[in-house]
Amino acid sequence: MVGLLKLKAQLLVDGEIALGPGKADLLEAIVEHGSISAAGRAMGLSYRRAWLMVEAMNRLFAKPLVETKRGGPGGAALTEAGRAVLAEYRGLQAELEAAALKRGAKLVKALG
């Protein structure tokens, strides 16, 4: 038996996930691929699912996290707010993982 402590940080607004691991991964994929559809494909998501995730983030945060480009080749990019929120979330994840390694090791050991 192998024990493992897993933490997942989710930012909720009225029960709806404004940001969590999957949405943060999608933001990073948008940076990497330059579009919502390409980011969704890279993550194994349908375009609709990826678009709904972006729409939720843009609606729930005070400022939109993703901007889309119309005309020409189109595409998408993170806004300044999107880059800041993503960096803050990844920092929070790193701190939670460090705490889990330190404090969680005792819990995992107690499993036997």
PDB file of N, CA and C in Angstrom:
ATOM      1  N   MET A   1       0.854  -1.179   0.000  1.00  0.00           N
ATOM      2  CA  MET A   1       0.000   0.000   0.000  1.00  0.00           C
ATOM      3  C   MET A   1       0.897   1.239   0.000  1.00  0.00           C
ATOM      4  N   VAL A   2       0.591   2.157  -0.898  1.00  0.00           N
ATOM      5  CA  VAL A   2       1.328   3.410  -0.979  1.00  0.00           C
ATOM      6  C   VAL A   2       0.374   4.550  -0.671  1.00  0.00           C
ATOM      7  N   GLY A   3       0.702   5.330   0.341  1.00  0.00           N
ATOM      8  CA  GLY A   3      -0.132   6.465   0.721  1.00  0.00           C
ATOM      9  C   GLY A   3       0.292   7.717  -0.012  1.00  0.00           C
ATOM     10  N   LEU A   4      -0.663   8.582  -0.243  1.00  0.00           N
ATOM     11  CA  LEU A   4      -0.405   9.826  -0.968  1.00  0.00           C
ATOM     12  C   LEU A   4      -1.374  10.887  -0.479  1.00  0.00           C
ATOM     13  N   LEU A   5      -0.858  12.068  -0.245  1.00  0.00           N
ATOM     14  CA  LEU A   5      -1.703  13.206   0.119  1.00  0.00           C
ATOM     15  C   LEU A   5      -1.822  14.089  -1.108  1.00  0.00           C
ATOM     16  N   LYS A   6      -3.041  14.373  -1.525  1.00  0.00           N
ATOM     17  CA  LYS A   6      -3.271  15.186  -2.709  1.00  0.00           C
ATOM     18  C   LYS A   6      -4.116  16.393  -2.314  1.00  0.00           C
ATOM     19  N   LEU A   7      -3.624  17.568  -2.657  1.00  0.00           N
ATOM     20  CA  LEU A   7      -4.355  18.805  -2.409  1.00  0.00           C
ATOM     21  C   LEU A   7      -4.739  19.426  -3.739  1.00  0.00           C
ATOM     22  N   LYS A   8      -5.922  20.016  -3.783  1.00  0.00           N
ATOM     23  CA  LYS A   8      -6.379  20.677  -4.999  1.00  0.00           C
ATOM     24  C   LYS A   8      -6.973  22.019  -4.599  1.00  0.00           C
ATOM     25  N   ALA A   9      -6.347  23.094  -5.060  1.00  0.00           N
ATOM     26  CA  ALA A   9      -6.837  24.439  -4.749  1.00  0.00           C
ATOM     27  C   ALA A   9      -7.857  24.856  -5.803  1.00  0.00           C
ATOM     28  N   GLN A  10      -9.036  25.238  -5.341  1.00  0.00           N
ATOM     29  CA  GLN A  10     -10.071  25.745  -6.227  1.00  0.00           C
ATOM     30  C   GLN A  10     -10.597  27.046  -5.654  1.00  0.00           C
ATOM     31  N   LEU A  11     -10.734  28.026  -6.527  1.00  0.00           N
ATOM     32  CA  LEU A  11     -11.320  29.306  -6.154  1.00  0.00           C
ATOM     33  C   LEU A  11     -12.775  29.267  -6.609  1.00  0.00           C
ATOM     34  N   LEU A  12     -13.701  29.350  -5.651  1.00  0.00           N
ATOM     35  CA  LEU A  12     -15.122  29.221  -5.948  1.00  0.00           C
ATOM     36  C   LEU A  12     -15.838  30.557  -5.815  1.00  0.00           C
ATOM     37  N   VAL A  13     -16.795  30.782  -6.700  1.00  0.00           N
ATOM     38  CA  VAL A  13     -17.672  31.946  -6.630  1.00  0.00           C
ATOM     39  C   VAL A  13     -19.098  31.411  -6.691  1.00  0.00           C
ATOM     40  N   ASP A  14     -19.819  31.539  -5.598  1.00  0.00           N
ATOM     41  CA  ASP A  14     -21.189  31.015  -5.520  1.00  0.00           C
ATOM     42  C   ASP A  14     -21.261  29.560  -5.988  1.00  0.00           C
ATOM     43  N   GLY A  15     -20.294  28.758  -5.574  1.00  0.00           N
ATOM     44  CA  GLY A  15     -20.285  27.335  -5.897  1.00  0.00           C
ATOM     45  C   GLY A  15     -19.728  26.999  -7.274  1.00  0.00           C
ATOM     46  N   GLU A  16     -19.410  27.994  -8.083  1.00  0.00           N
ATOM     47  CA  GLU A  16     -18.858  27.758  -9.418  1.00  0.00           C
ATOM     48  C   GLU A  16     -17.341  27.927  -9.361  1.00  0.00           C
ATOM     49  N   ILE A  17     -16.614  27.038 -10.015  1.00  0.00           N
ATOM     50  CA  ILE A  17     -15.160  27.103  -9.997  1.00  0.00           C
ATOM     51  C   ILE A  17     -14.680  28.225 -10.913  1.00  0.00           C
ATOM     52  N   ALA A  18     -14.120  29.264 -10.293  1.00  0.00           N
ATOM     53  CA  ALA A  18     -13.545  30.360 -11.064  1.00  0.00           C
ATOM     54  C   ALA A  18     -12.151  29.981 -11.551  1.00  0.00           C
ATOM     55  N   LEU A  19     -11.417  29.249 -10.717  1.00  0.00           N
ATOM     56  CA  LEU A  19     -10.072  28.811 -11.090  1.00  0.00           C
ATOM     57  C   LEU A  19      -9.702  27.577 -10.287  1.00  0.00           C
ATOM     58  N   GLY A  20      -9.154  26.618 -10.962  1.00  0.00           N
ATOM     59  CA  GLY A  20      -8.666  25.391 -10.354  1.00  0.00           C
ATOM     60  C   GLY A  20      -7.567  24.842 -11.243  1.00  0.00           C
ATOM     61  N   PRO A  21      -7.091  23.645 -10.950  1.00  0.00           N
ATOM     62  CA  PRO A  21      -5.979  23.086 -11.722  1.00  0.00           C
ATOM     63  C   PRO A  21      -6.256  22.977 -13.224  1.00  0.00           C
ATOM     64  N   GLY A  22      -7.433  22.533 -13.597  1.00  0.00           N
ATOM     65  CA  GLY A  22      -7.758  22.370 -15.016  1.00  0.00           C
ATOM     66  C   GLY A  22      -7.825  23.696 -15.756  1.00  0.00           C
ATOM     67  N   LYS A  23      -8.422  24.689 -15.138  1.00  0.00           N
ATOM     68  CA  LYS A  23      -8.523  25.999 -15.776  1.00  0.00           C
ATOM     69  C   LYS A  23      -7.152  26.664 -15.855  1.00  0.00           C
ATOM     70  N   ALA A  24      -6.320  26.477 -14.832  1.00  0.00           N
ATOM     71  CA  ALA A  24      -4.958  27.019 -14.891  1.00  0.00           C
ATOM     72  C   ALA A  24      -4.170  26.339 -16.010  1.00  0.00           C
ATOM     73  N   ASP A  25      -4.350  25.031 -16.153  1.00  0.00           N
ATOM     74  CA  ASP A  25      -3.682  24.317 -17.245  1.00  0.00           C
ATOM     75  C   ASP A  25      -4.159  24.847 -18.600  1.00  0.00           C
ATOM     76  N   LEU A  26      -5.447  25.152 -18.707  1.00  0.00           N
ATOM     77  CA  LEU A  26      -5.980  25.698 -19.950  1.00  0.00           C
ATOM     78  C   LEU A  26      -5.380  27.069 -20.250  1.00  0.00           C
ATOM     79  N   LEU A  27      -5.234  27.901 -19.231  1.00  0.00           N
ATOM     80  CA  LEU A  27      -4.603  29.209 -19.440  1.00  0.00           C
ATOM     81  C   LEU A  27      -3.178  29.037 -19.968  1.00  0.00           C
ATOM     82  N   GLU A  28      -2.438  28.110 -19.387  1.00  0.00           N
ATOM     83  CA  GLU A  28      -1.068  27.860 -19.857  1.00  0.00           C
ATOM     84  C   GLU A  28      -1.063  27.333 -21.285  1.00  0.00           C
ATOM     85  N   ALA A  29      -2.031  26.491 -21.616  1.00  0.00           N
ATOM     86  CA  ALA A  29      -2.116  25.953 -22.974  1.00  0.00           C
ATOM     87  C   ALA A  29      -2.463  27.056 -23.979  1.00  0.00           C
ATOM     88  N   ILE A  30      -3.264  28.022 -23.571  1.00  0.00           N
ATOM     89  CA  ILE A  30      -3.582  29.151 -24.449  1.00  0.00           C
ATOM     90  C   ILE A  30      -2.313  29.958 -24.730  1.00  0.00           C
ATOM     91  N   VAL A  31      -1.503  30.154 -23.701  1.00  0.00           N
ATOM     92  CA  VAL A  31      -0.225  30.850 -23.894  1.00  0.00           C
ATOM     93  C   VAL A  31       0.636  30.074 -24.892  1.00  0.00           C
ATOM     94  N   GLU A  32       0.706  28.766 -24.711  1.00  0.00           N
ATOM     95  CA  GLU A  32       1.566  27.929 -25.549  1.00  0.00           C
ATOM     96  C   GLU A  32       1.071  27.826 -26.990  1.00  0.00           C
ATOM     97  N   HIS A  33      -0.242  27.690 -27.179  1.00  0.00           N
ATOM     98  CA  HIS A  33      -0.790  27.399 -28.503  1.00  0.00           C
ATOM     99  C   HIS A  33      -1.412  28.606 -29.205  1.00  0.00           C
ATOM    100  N   GLY A  34      -1.704  29.667 -28.471  1.00  0.00           N
ATOM    101  CA  GLY A  34      -2.202  30.886 -29.093  1.00  0.00           C
ATOM    102  C   GLY A  34      -3.660  30.879 -29.494  1.00  0.00           C
ATOM    103  N   SER A  35      -4.400  29.856 -29.114  1.00  0.00           N
ATOM    104  CA  SER A  35      -5.839  29.845 -29.394  1.00  0.00           C
ATOM    105  C   SER A  35      -6.539  28.919 -28.407  1.00  0.00           C
ATOM    106  N   ILE A  36      -7.826  29.183 -28.232  1.00  0.00           N
ATOM    107  CA  ILE A  36      -8.621  28.356 -27.327  1.00  0.00           C
ATOM    108  C   ILE A  36      -8.804  26.964 -27.918  1.00  0.00           C
ATOM    109  N   SER A  37      -9.075  26.887 -29.220  1.00  0.00           N
ATOM    110  CA  SER A  37      -9.310  25.578 -29.839  1.00  0.00           C
ATOM    111  C   SER A  37      -8.054  24.716 -29.798  1.00  0.00           C
ATOM    112  N   ALA A  38      -6.895  25.287 -30.121  1.00  0.00           N
ATOM    113  CA  ALA A  38      -5.651  24.512 -30.091  1.00  0.00           C
ATOM    114  C   ALA A  38      -5.298  24.107 -28.663  1.00  0.00           C
ATOM    115  N   ALA A  39      -5.537  24.994 -27.709  1.00  0.00           N
ATOM    116  CA  ALA A  39      -5.280  24.669 -26.305  1.00  0.00           C
ATOM    117  C   ALA A  39      -6.179  23.522 -25.858  1.00  0.00           C
ATOM    118  N   GLY A  40      -7.456  23.600 -26.229  1.00  0.00           N
ATOM    119  CA  GLY A  40      -8.391  22.532 -25.874  1.00  0.00           C
ATOM    120  C   GLY A  40      -7.980  21.205 -26.480  1.00  0.00           C
ATOM    121  N   ARG A  41      -7.609  21.218 -27.756  1.00  0.00           N
ATOM    122  CA  ARG A  41      -7.166  19.976 -28.413  1.00  0.00           C
ATOM    123  C   ARG A  41      -5.954  19.381 -27.706  1.00  0.00           C
ATOM    124  N   ALA A  42      -5.016  20.235 -27.337  1.00  0.00           N
ATOM    125  CA  ALA A  42      -3.802  19.760 -26.658  1.00  0.00           C
ATOM    126  C   ALA A  42      -4.126  19.113 -25.314  1.00  0.00           C
ATOM    127  N   MET A  43      -5.215  19.548 -24.700  1.00  0.00           N
ATOM    128  CA  MET A  43      -5.616  18.998 -23.407  1.00  0.00           C
ATOM    129  C   MET A  43      -6.655  17.888 -23.531  1.00  0.00           C
ATOM    130  N   GLY A  44      -7.069  17.579 -24.754  1.00  0.00           N
ATOM    131  CA  GLY A  44      -8.094  16.549 -24.945  1.00  0.00           C
ATOM    132  C   GLY A  44      -9.495  17.049 -24.651  1.00  0.00           C
ATOM    133  N   LEU A  45      -9.702  18.355 -24.757  1.00  0.00           N
ATOM    134  CA  LEU A  45     -11.020  18.952 -24.508  1.00  0.00           C
ATOM    135  C   LEU A  45     -11.666  19.331 -25.832  1.00  0.00           C
ATOM    136  N   SER A  46     -12.982  19.289 -25.866  1.00  0.00           N
ATOM    137  CA  SER A  46     -13.677  19.809 -27.037  1.00  0.00           C
ATOM    138  C   SER A  46     -13.536  21.325 -27.045  1.00  0.00           C
ATOM    139  N   TYR A  47     -13.710  21.926 -28.215  1.00  0.00           N
ATOM    140  CA  TYR A  47     -13.661  23.385 -28.306  1.00  0.00           C
ATOM    141  C   TYR A  47     -14.729  23.986 -27.398  1.00  0.00           C
ATOM    142  N   ARG A  48     -15.918  23.396 -27.406  1.00  0.00           N
ATOM    143  CA  ARG A  48     -17.010  23.921 -26.579  1.00  0.00           C
ATOM    144  C   ARG A  48     -16.639  23.912 -25.100  1.00  0.00           C
ATOM    145  N   ARG A  49     -16.075  22.810 -24.636  1.00  0.00           N
ATOM    146  CA  ARG A  49     -15.695  22.710 -23.215  1.00  0.00           C
ATOM    147  C   ARG A  49     -14.632  23.757 -22.874  1.00  0.00           C
ATOM    148  N   ALA A  50     -13.624  23.884 -23.745  1.00  0.00           N
ATOM    149  CA  ALA A  50     -12.565  24.868 -23.506  1.00  0.00           C
ATOM    150  C   ALA A  50     -13.154  26.283 -23.498  1.00  0.00           C
ATOM    151  N   TRP A  51     -14.025  26.566 -24.460  1.00  0.00           N
ATOM    152  CA  TRP A  51     -14.630  27.899 -24.540  1.00  0.00           C
ATOM    153  C   TRP A  51     -15.475  28.184 -23.301  1.00  0.00           C
ATOM    154  N   LEU A  52     -16.239  27.210 -22.825  1.00  0.00           N
ATOM    155  CA  LEU A  52     -17.058  27.399 -21.623  1.00  0.00           C
ATOM    156  C   LEU A  52     -16.185  27.674 -20.398  1.00  0.00           C
ATOM    157  N   MET A  53     -15.044  27.014 -20.323  1.00  0.00           N
ATOM    158  CA  MET A  53     -14.125  27.251 -19.205  1.00  0.00           C
ATOM    159  C   MET A  53     -13.584  28.685 -19.255  1.00  0.00           C
ATOM    160  N   VAL A  54     -13.198  29.133 -20.443  1.00  0.00           N
ATOM    161  CA  VAL A  54     -12.694  30.503 -20.607  1.00  0.00           C
ATOM    162  C   VAL A  54     -13.802  31.505 -20.296  1.00  0.00           C
ATOM    163  N   GLU A  55     -14.996  31.248 -20.796  1.00  0.00           N
ATOM    164  CA  GLU A  55     -16.120  32.154 -20.552  1.00  0.00           C
ATOM    165  C   GLU A  55     -16.391  32.289 -19.056  1.00  0.00           C
ATOM    166  N   ALA A  56     -16.336  31.181 -18.332  1.00  0.00           N
ATOM    167  CA  ALA A  56     -16.571  31.224 -16.886  1.00  0.00           C
ATOM    168  C   ALA A  56     -15.501  32.050 -16.179  1.00  0.00           C
ATOM    169  N   MET A  57     -14.246  31.839 -16.545  1.00  0.00           N
ATOM    170  CA  MET A  57     -13.175  32.619 -15.915  1.00  0.00           C
ATOM    171  C   MET A  57     -13.348  34.108 -16.211  1.00  0.00           C
ATOM    172  N   ASN A  58     -13.623  34.440 -17.456  1.00  0.00           N
ATOM    173  CA  ASN A  58     -13.792  35.843 -17.830  1.00  0.00           C
ATOM    174  C   ASN A  58     -14.974  36.488 -17.118  1.00  0.00           C
ATOM    175  N   ARG A  59     -16.019  35.723 -16.893  1.00  0.00           N
ATOM    176  CA  ARG A  59     -17.220  36.244 -16.238  1.00  0.00           C
ATOM    177  C   ARG A  59     -17.035  36.386 -14.731  1.00  0.00           C
ATOM    178  N   LEU A  60     -16.309  35.461 -14.117  1.00  0.00           N
ATOM    179  CA  LEU A  60     -16.213  35.428 -12.663  1.00  0.00           C
ATOM    180  C   LEU A  60     -15.124  36.339 -12.086  1.00  0.00           C
ATOM    181  N   PHE A  61     -14.117  36.647 -12.859  1.00  0.00           N
ATOM    182  CA  PHE A  61     -13.081  37.557 -12.379  1.00  0.00           C
ATOM    183  C   PHE A  61     -13.460  38.998 -12.707  1.00  0.00           C
ATOM    184  N   ALA A  62     -12.929  39.941 -11.921  1.00  0.00           N
ATOM    185  CA  ALA A  62     -13.247  41.359 -12.113  1.00  0.00           C
ATOM    186  C   ALA A  62     -12.823  41.841 -13.500  1.00  0.00           C
ATOM    187  N   LYS A  63     -11.717  41.303 -14.003  1.00  0.00           N
ATOM    188  CA  LYS A  63     -11.234  41.645 -15.340  1.00  0.00           C
ATOM    189  C   LYS A  63     -11.073  40.347 -16.121  1.00  0.00           C
ATOM    190  N   PRO A  64     -11.348  40.364 -17.413  1.00  0.00           N
ATOM    191  CA  PRO A  64     -11.195  39.140 -18.219  1.00  0.00           C
ATOM    192  C   PRO A  64      -9.764  38.607 -18.165  1.00  0.00           C
ATOM    193  N   LEU A  65      -9.642  37.283 -18.162  1.00  0.00           N
ATOM    194  CA  LEU A  65      -8.327  36.646 -18.127  1.00  0.00           C
ATOM    195  C   LEU A  65      -7.821  36.307 -19.527  1.00  0.00           C
ATOM    196  N   VAL A  66      -8.751  36.132 -20.469  1.00  0.00           N
ATOM    197  CA  VAL A  66      -8.395  35.746 -21.841  1.00  0.00           C
ATOM    198  C   VAL A  66      -9.072  36.718 -22.793  1.00  0.00           C
ATOM    199  N   GLU A  67      -8.304  37.158 -23.793  1.00  0.00           N
ATOM    200  CA  GLU A  67      -8.878  37.989 -24.847  1.00  0.00           C
ATOM    201  C   GLU A  67      -8.754  37.227 -26.161  1.00  0.00           C
ATOM    202  N   THR A  68      -9.800  37.348 -26.975  1.00  0.00           N
ATOM    203  CA  THR A  68      -9.774  36.704 -28.282  1.00  0.00           C
ATOM    204  C   THR A  68      -9.569  37.755 -29.345  1.00  0.00           C
ATOM    205  N   LYS A  69      -8.946  37.318 -30.426  1.00  0.00           N
ATOM    206  CA  LYS A  69      -8.687  38.206 -31.557  1.00  0.00           C
ATOM    207  C   LYS A  69      -9.650  37.841 -32.670  1.00  0.00           C
ATOM    208  N   ARG A  70     -10.306  38.823 -33.218  1.00  0.00           N
ATOM    209  CA  ARG A  70     -11.270  38.583 -34.297  1.00  0.00           C
ATOM    210  C   ARG A  70     -10.648  38.950 -35.635  1.00  0.00           C
ATOM    211  N   GLY A  71     -11.142  38.295 -36.657  1.00  0.00           N
ATOM    212  CA  GLY A  71     -10.652  38.581 -38.000  1.00  0.00           C
ATOM    213  C   GLY A  71      -9.300  37.950 -38.234  1.00  0.00           C
ATOM    214  N   GLY A  72      -8.919  37.815 -39.457  1.00  0.00           N
ATOM    215  CA  GLY A  72      -7.631  37.209 -39.779  1.00  0.00           C
ATOM    216  C   GLY A  72      -7.550  35.810 -39.224  1.00  0.00           C
ATOM    217  N   PRO A  73      -6.377  35.456 -38.728  1.00  0.00           N
ATOM    218  CA  PRO A  73      -6.221  34.096 -38.206  1.00  0.00           C
ATOM    219  C   PRO A  73      -6.867  33.884 -36.839  1.00  0.00           C
ATOM    220  N   GLY A  74      -7.341  34.932 -36.216  1.00  0.00           N
ATOM    221  CA  GLY A  74      -7.972  34.788 -34.905  1.00  0.00           C
ATOM    222  C   GLY A  74      -6.939  34.488 -33.839  1.00  0.00           C
ATOM    223  N   GLY A  75      -7.345  33.771 -32.825  1.00  0.00           N
ATOM    224  CA  GLY A  75      -6.433  33.415 -31.752  1.00  0.00           C
ATOM    225  C   GLY A  75      -6.902  33.950 -30.418  1.00  0.00           C
ATOM    226  N   ALA A  76      -6.109  33.674 -29.403  1.00  0.00           N
ATOM    227  CA  ALA A  76      -6.421  34.114 -28.050  1.00  0.00           C
ATOM    228  C   ALA A  76      -5.120  34.307 -27.290  1.00  0.00           C
ATOM    229  N   ALA A  77      -5.172  35.143 -26.279  1.00  0.00           N
ATOM    230  CA  ALA A  77      -4.018  35.406 -25.430  1.00  0.00           C
ATOM    231  C   ALA A  77      -4.506  35.765 -24.034  1.00  0.00           C
ATOM    232  N   LEU A  78      -3.635  35.617 -23.057  1.00  0.00           N
ATOM    233  CA  LEU A  78      -3.971  36.040 -21.707  1.00  0.00           C
ATOM    234  C   LEU A  78      -3.841  37.546 -21.627  1.00  0.00           C
ATOM    235  N   THR A  79      -4.739  38.141 -20.884  1.00  0.00           N
ATOM    236  CA  THR A  79      -4.644  39.562 -20.592  1.00  0.00           C
ATOM    237  C   THR A  79      -3.596  39.741 -19.489  1.00  0.00           C
ATOM    238  N   GLU A  80      -3.301  40.981 -19.173  1.00  0.00           N
ATOM    239  CA  GLU A  80      -2.397  41.244 -18.047  1.00  0.00           C
ATOM    240  C   GLU A  80      -2.976  40.638 -16.768  1.00  0.00           C
ATOM    241  N   ALA A  81      -4.283  40.790 -16.588  1.00  0.00           N
ATOM    242  CA  ALA A  81      -4.944  40.201 -15.413  1.00  0.00           C
ATOM    243  C   ALA A  81      -4.826  38.676 -15.445  1.00  0.00           C
ATOM    244  N   GLY A  82      -4.971  38.092 -16.606  1.00  0.00           N
ATOM    245  CA  GLY A  82      -4.861  36.641 -16.741  1.00  0.00           C
ATOM    246  C   GLY A  82      -3.482  36.134 -16.370  1.00  0.00           C
ATOM    247  N   ARG A  83      -2.454  36.842 -16.817  1.00  0.00           N
ATOM    248  CA  ARG A  83      -1.084  36.444 -16.481  1.00  0.00           C
ATOM    249  C   ARG A  83      -0.845  36.568 -14.979  1.00  0.00           C
ATOM    250  N   ALA A  84      -1.360  37.633 -14.377  1.00  0.00           N
ATOM    251  CA  ALA A  84      -1.183  37.845 -12.934  1.00  0.00           C
ATOM    252  C   ALA A  84      -1.911  36.786 -12.121  1.00  0.00           C
ATOM    253  N   VAL A  85      -3.155  36.485 -12.510  1.00  0.00           N
ATOM    254  CA  VAL A  85      -3.945  35.477 -11.784  1.00  0.00           C
ATOM    255  C   VAL A  85      -3.292  34.104 -11.911  1.00  0.00           C
ATOM    256  N   LEU A  86      -2.833  33.753 -13.107  1.00  0.00           N
ATOM    257  CA  LEU A  86      -2.181  32.464 -13.303  1.00  0.00           C
ATOM    258  C   LEU A  86      -0.918  32.352 -12.458  1.00  0.00           C
ATOM    259  N   ALA A  87      -0.102  33.399 -12.439  1.00  0.00           N
ATOM    260  CA  ALA A  87       1.128  33.379 -11.633  1.00  0.00           C
ATOM    261  C   ALA A  87       0.803  33.243 -10.148  1.00  0.00           C
ATOM    262  N   GLU A  88      -0.209  33.955  -9.687  1.00  0.00           N
ATOM    263  CA  GLU A  88      -0.600  33.880  -8.273  1.00  0.00           C
ATOM    264  C   GLU A  88      -1.099  32.477  -7.925  1.00  0.00           C
ATOM    265  N   TYR A  89      -1.903  31.894  -8.814  1.00  0.00           N
ATOM    266  CA  TYR A  89      -2.436  30.553  -8.575  1.00  0.00           C
ATOM    267  C   TYR A  89      -1.301  29.524  -8.530  1.00  0.00           C
ATOM    268  N   ARG A  90      -0.370  29.593  -9.480  1.00  0.00           N
ATOM    269  CA  ARG A  90       0.750  28.646  -9.493  1.00  0.00           C
ATOM    270  C   ARG A  90       1.614  28.818  -8.247  1.00  0.00           C
ATOM    271  N   GLY A  91       1.769  30.048  -7.770  1.00  0.00           N
ATOM    272  CA  GLY A  91       2.493  30.275  -6.520  1.00  0.00           C
ATOM    273  C   GLY A  91       1.781  29.640  -5.343  1.00  0.00           C
ATOM    274  N   LEU A  92       0.460  29.780  -5.299  1.00  0.00           N
ATOM    275  CA  LEU A  92      -0.333  29.156  -4.248  1.00  0.00           C
ATOM    276  C   LEU A  92      -0.187  27.637  -4.301  1.00  0.00           C
ATOM    277  N   GLN A  93      -0.255  27.066  -5.495  1.00  0.00           N
ATOM    278  CA  GLN A  93      -0.087  25.619  -5.631  1.00  0.00           C
ATOM    279  C   GLN A  93       1.272  25.163  -5.098  1.00  0.00           C
ATOM    280  N   ALA A  94       2.317  25.897  -5.419  1.00  0.00           N
ATOM    281  CA  ALA A  94       3.661  25.536  -4.965  1.00  0.00           C
ATOM    282  C   ALA A  94       3.743  25.565  -3.440  1.00  0.00           C
ATOM    283  N   GLU A  95       3.153  26.587  -2.828  1.00  0.00           N
ATOM    284  CA  GLU A  95       3.163  26.681  -1.372  1.00  0.00           C
ATOM    285  C   GLU A  95       2.359  25.555  -0.731  1.00  0.00           C
ATOM    286  N   LEU A  96       1.222  25.214  -1.319  1.00  0.00           N
ATOM    287  CA  LEU A  96       0.412  24.099  -0.791  1.00  0.00           C
ATOM    288  C   LEU A  96       1.160  22.778  -0.901  1.00  0.00           C
ATOM    289  N   GLU A  97       1.842  22.558  -2.027  1.00  0.00           N
ATOM    290  CA  GLU A  97       2.600  21.320  -2.201  1.00  0.00           C
ATOM    291  C   GLU A  97       3.740  21.227  -1.196  1.00  0.00           C
ATOM    292  N   ALA A  98       4.413  22.345  -0.931  1.00  0.00           N
ATOM    293  CA  ALA A  98       5.489  22.360   0.054  1.00  0.00           C
ATOM    294  C   ALA A  98       4.952  22.037   1.444  1.00  0.00           C
ATOM    295  N   ALA A  99       3.809  22.625   1.785  1.00  0.00           N
ATOM    296  CA  ALA A  99       3.192  22.345   3.087  1.00  0.00           C
ATOM    297  C   ALA A  99       2.752  20.890   3.173  1.00  0.00           C
ATOM    298  N   ALA A 100       2.223  20.359   2.080  1.00  0.00           N
ATOM    299  CA  ALA A 100       1.780  18.970   2.074  1.00  0.00           C
ATOM    300  C   ALA A 100       2.957  18.024   2.276  1.00  0.00           C
ATOM    301  N   LEU A 101       4.095  18.327   1.653  1.00  0.00           N
ATOM    302  CA  LEU A 101       5.274  17.484   1.830  1.00  0.00           C
ATOM    303  C   LEU A 101       5.744  17.506   3.275  1.00  0.00           C
ATOM    304  N   LYS A 102       5.725  18.679   3.874  1.00  0.00           N
ATOM    305  CA  LYS A 102       6.210  18.833   5.250  1.00  0.00           C
ATOM    306  C   LYS A 102       5.251  18.214   6.260  1.00  0.00           C
ATOM    307  N   ARG A 103       4.010  18.653   6.229  1.00  0.00           N
ATOM    308  CA  ARG A 103       3.031  18.215   7.223  1.00  0.00           C
ATOM    309  C   ARG A 103       2.354  16.912   6.838  1.00  0.00           C
ATOM    310  N   GLY A 104       2.137  16.718   5.548  1.00  0.00           N
ATOM    311  CA  GLY A 104       1.422  15.524   5.094  1.00  0.00           C
ATOM    312  C   GLY A 104       2.205  14.245   5.259  1.00  0.00           C
ATOM    313  N   ALA A 105       3.532  14.329   5.310  1.00  0.00           N
ATOM    314  CA  ALA A 105       4.354  13.124   5.457  1.00  0.00           C
ATOM    315  C   ALA A 105       3.987  12.368   6.729  1.00  0.00           C
ATOM    316  N   LYS A 106       3.681  13.101   7.787  1.00  0.00           N
ATOM    317  CA  LYS A 106       3.297  12.452   9.048  1.00  0.00           C
ATOM    318  C   LYS A 106       1.979  11.696   8.895  1.00  0.00           C
ATOM    319  N   LEU A 107       1.056  12.267   8.182  1.00  0.00           N
ATOM    320  CA  LEU A 107      -0.236  11.602   7.952  1.00  0.00           C
ATOM    321  C   LEU A 107      -0.065  10.355   7.103  1.00  0.00           C
ATOM    322  N   VAL A 108       0.732  10.478   6.051  1.00  0.00           N
ATOM    323  CA  VAL A 108       0.949   9.336   5.160  1.00  0.00           C
ATOM    324  C   VAL A 108       1.648   8.212   5.914  1.00  0.00           C
ATOM    325  N   LYS A 109       2.624   8.552   6.761  1.00  0.00           N
ATOM    326  CA  LYS A 109       3.314   7.531   7.572  1.00  0.00           C
ATOM    327  C   LYS A 109       2.349   6.806   8.491  1.00  0.00           C
ATOM    328  N   ALA A 110       1.361   7.524   8.996  1.00  0.00           N
ATOM    329  CA  ALA A 110       0.390   6.931   9.921  1.00  0.00           C
ATOM    330  C   ALA A 110      -0.480   5.880   9.243  1.00  0.00           C
ATOM    331  N   LEU A 111      -0.476   5.834   7.906  1.00  0.00           N
ATOM    332  CA  LEU A 111      -1.274   4.833   7.198  1.00  0.00           C
ATOM    333  C   LEU A 111      -0.732   3.432   7.363  1.00  0.00           C
ATOM    334  N   GLY A 112       0.544   3.337   7.693  1.00  0.00           N
ATOM    335  CA  GLY A 112       1.119   2.010   7.931  1.00  0.00           C
ATOM    336  C   GLY A 112       1.971   1.605   6.833  1.00  0.00           C
TER     337      GLY A 112
END
